[in-house]
Amino acid sequence: MLRNPITEQQEWMLHNVGRSASVDTSRAREGLGVSFRDPRYSVVDTVSYLRSANAIKPVASPTSCTLL
């Protein structure tokens, strides 16, 4: 019996899950003068926006994680 070929999503998961993200922003900061916000605040702002747009709904008692 032949196996189905691996999908792009499965291949991405196999190669990327468990890896640490590494981003170098030095060129943007030094060359362009760009400054970056703390990612925690960006997440909070995004969730607040999605809630206000009724794109997501809060759960009655969150059990899996707490922001900030």
Protein backbone atom coordinates (compact mmCIF):
# COMPACT_ATOMS: atom_id res chain seq x y z
CA MET A 1 0.00 0.00 0.00
CA LEU A 2 1.36 3.42 -0.96
CA ARG A 3 1.49 6.23 1.56
CA ASN A 4 0.06 9.61 0.72
CA PRO A 5 2.70 12.22 -0.07
CA ILE A 6 3.43 14.56 2.80
CA THR A 7 1.54 17.84 2.67
CA GLU A 8 3.24 21.23 2.88
CA GLN A 9 1.71 21.76 6.31
CA GLN A 10 2.98 18.43 7.60
CA GLU A 11 6.45 19.10 6.22
CA TRP A 12 6.50 22.56 7.82
CA MET A 13 5.44 21.06 11.16
CA LEU A 14 8.13 18.37 10.99
CA HIS A 15 10.85 20.96 10.36
CA ASN A 16 9.69 23.82 12.58
CA VAL A 17 7.84 22.59 15.67
CA GLY A 18 10.12 22.73 18.68
CA ARG A 19 12.59 25.18 17.13
CA SER A 20 13.32 28.50 18.76
CA ALA A 21 12.48 31.56 16.73
CA SER A 22 15.44 33.79 15.98
CA VAL A 23 14.97 37.25 14.53
CA ASP A 24 17.67 39.84 13.92
CA THR A 25 16.25 43.37 13.96
CA SER A 26 19.57 45.20 14.13
CA ARG A 27 19.43 46.47 10.53
CA ALA A 28 15.94 47.90 11.04
CA ARG A 29 16.87 49.49 14.36
CA GLU A 30 20.27 50.89 13.34
CA GLY A 31 19.75 51.60 9.65
CA LEU A 32 16.15 52.78 9.64
CA GLY A 33 15.67 53.92 13.22
CA VAL A 34 12.74 51.55 13.75
CA SER A 35 11.80 50.69 17.33
CA PHE A 36 9.81 47.63 18.36
CA ARG A 37 7.20 47.19 21.07
CA ASP A 38 7.30 44.48 23.68
CA PRO A 39 5.50 41.52 22.01
CA ARG A 40 3.36 40.94 25.11
CA TYR A 41 1.66 44.30 24.59
CA SER A 42 1.09 43.55 20.91
CA VAL A 43 -0.67 40.30 21.84
CA VAL A 44 -2.89 42.07 24.38
CA ASP A 45 -3.78 44.80 21.86
CA THR A 46 -4.56 42.20 19.18
CA VAL A 47 -6.84 40.22 21.49
CA SER A 48 -8.59 43.41 22.60
CA TYR A 49 -9.18 44.41 18.99
CA LEU A 50 -10.48 40.96 18.01
CA ARG A 51 -12.87 40.99 20.99
CA SER A 52 -14.16 44.47 20.10
CA ALA A 53 -14.73 43.36 16.49
CA ASN A 54 -16.63 40.25 17.77
CA ALA A 55 -14.11 38.05 15.98
CA ILE A 56 -13.46 36.10 19.19
CA LYS A 57 -15.46 35.67 22.36
CA PRO A 58 -14.08 35.43 25.90
CA VAL A 59 -14.58 32.16 27.73
CA ALA A 60 -16.33 32.06 31.10
CA SER A 61 -13.37 30.64 33.00
CA PRO A 62 -10.03 30.53 31.15
CA THR A 63 -8.02 27.50 32.17
CA SER A 64 -5.21 27.16 29.64
CA CYS A 65 -3.34 30.48 29.82
CA THR A 66 -3.35 33.97 31.20
CA LEU A 67 -2.04 37.02 29.36
CA LEU A 68 0.41 39.17 31.28
